Amino acid sequence: MQNAFVESFIGRFRDECLNKNLFDNLSEARQTIEIWRIDYNTQRPHTSLGGLAPAVYAKTQRKRPASPELIESSAQQALTTTLNRETNVNRLST
């Protein structure tokens, strides 16, 4: 089933980004693809996520409390550190 999602994404990426742009150099291709990726992950609603953009969906999932066995574990500490770094990076990029 995962292959179907990958194939769907590749087709969408090709149709919406690669086929609509002509790149003169690698730097221009990277910039255009990054703009498309940001839009795809932060603005565009996805039916598989209940009509939410992936970034919005991820925020709703992070608000759930951790299970009791993870609250003081190293896994929870690592997750918290990672989320804090992502938040700081996002603040800097906006």
Protein backbone atom coordinates (compact mmCIF):
# COMPACT_ATOMS: atom_id res chain seq x y z
CA MET A 1 0.00 0.00 0.00
CA GLN A 2 2.87 2.39 0.75
CA ASN A 3 4.02 2.14 -2.86
CA ALA A 4 0.66 3.52 -4.01
CA PHE A 5 1.18 6.65 -1.89
CA VAL A 6 4.70 7.11 -3.25
CA GLU A 7 3.53 6.68 -6.83
CA SER A 8 0.71 9.16 -6.24
CA PHE A 9 3.12 11.72 -4.79
CA ILE A 10 5.64 11.27 -7.62
CA GLY A 11 2.90 11.73 -10.21
CA ARG A 12 1.61 14.85 -8.49
CA PHE A 13 5.14 16.26 -8.13
CA ARG A 14 5.84 15.63 -11.80
CA ASP A 15 2.54 17.14 -12.99
CA GLU A 16 2.48 20.17 -10.69
CA CYS A 17 6.15 21.08 -10.49
CA LEU A 18 8.49 19.43 -12.94
CA ASN A 19 6.29 19.56 -16.05
CA LYS A 20 5.33 23.21 -15.44
CA ASN A 21 8.85 24.59 -15.04
CA LEU A 22 11.89 24.81 -17.25
CA PHE A 23 15.04 25.09 -15.19
CA ASP A 24 18.13 26.89 -16.47
CA ASN A 25 20.42 25.58 -13.74
CA LEU A 26 20.51 23.36 -10.67
CA SER A 27 20.15 26.28 -8.25
CA GLU A 28 16.92 27.41 -9.92
CA ALA A 29 15.57 23.84 -9.86
CA ARG A 30 16.33 23.51 -6.14
CA GLN A 31 14.66 26.83 -5.34
CA THR A 32 11.51 26.05 -7.34
CA ILE A 33 11.22 22.55 -5.90
CA GLU A 34 11.68 23.87 -2.35
CA ILE A 35 8.88 26.41 -2.86
CA TRP A 36 6.61 23.63 -4.15
CA ARG A 37 7.56 21.35 -1.23
CA ILE A 38 6.79 24.01 1.35
CA ASP A 39 3.41 24.69 -0.23
CA TYR A 40 2.64 20.96 -0.44
CA ASN A 41 3.49 20.37 3.23
CA THR A 42 2.17 23.54 4.84
CA GLN A 43 -0.68 25.00 2.80
CA ARG A 44 -2.32 22.32 0.71
CA PRO A 45 -5.07 20.20 2.27
CA HIS A 46 -4.70 16.43 1.96
CA THR A 47 -7.75 14.17 1.90
CA SER A 48 -5.86 11.42 3.73
CA LEU A 49 -5.42 13.83 6.66
CA GLY A 50 -9.06 14.85 6.87
CA GLY A 51 -8.64 17.91 4.68
CA LEU A 52 -5.77 19.35 6.72
CA ALA A 53 -2.34 20.36 5.51
CA PRO A 54 0.40 18.06 6.86
CA ALA A 55 1.88 20.81 9.05
CA VAL A 56 -1.50 21.52 10.65
CA TYR A 57 -2.19 17.81 11.13
CA ALA A 58 1.21 17.30 12.79
CA LYS A 59 0.51 20.12 15.24
CA THR A 60 -2.80 18.54 16.25
CA GLN A 61 -1.05 15.22 16.88
CA ARG A 62 1.70 16.79 19.00
CA LYS A 63 -0.85 18.19 21.44
CA ARG A 64 -1.87 14.74 22.59
CA PRO A 65 -0.35 13.82 25.95
CA ALA A 66 2.37 11.22 25.93
CA SER A 67 1.59 7.80 27.26
CA PRO A 68 2.58 7.38 30.93
CA GLU A 69 5.45 5.03 30.13
CA LEU A 70 7.03 7.63 27.82
CA ILE A 71 6.73 10.73 30.00
CA GLU A 72 10.12 10.34 31.71
CA SER A 73 11.78 8.12 29.13
CA SER A 74 14.71 8.96 26.92
CA ALA A 75 12.44 8.63 23.88
CA GLN A 76 10.16 11.38 25.18
CA GLN A 77 13.16 13.59 25.97
CA ALA A 78 14.54 13.08 22.47
CA LEU A 79 11.16 13.84 20.92
CA THR A 80 10.80 17.02 22.97
CA THR A 81 14.28 18.16 21.98
CA THR A 82 13.54 17.49 18.30
CA LEU A 83 10.22 19.35 18.44
CA ASN A 84 11.86 22.33 20.12
CA ARG A 85 14.54 22.46 17.42
CA GLU A 86 11.88 22.29 14.68
CA THR A 87 9.97 25.12 16.31
CA ASN A 88 13.10 27.27 16.52
CA VAL A 89 13.99 26.57 12.89
CA ASN A 90 10.46 27.40 11.78
CA ARG A 91 10.56 30.68 13.71
CA LEU A 92 13.80 31.64 12.02
CA SER A 93 12.54 30.83 8.53
CA THR A 94 9.35 32.91 8.83
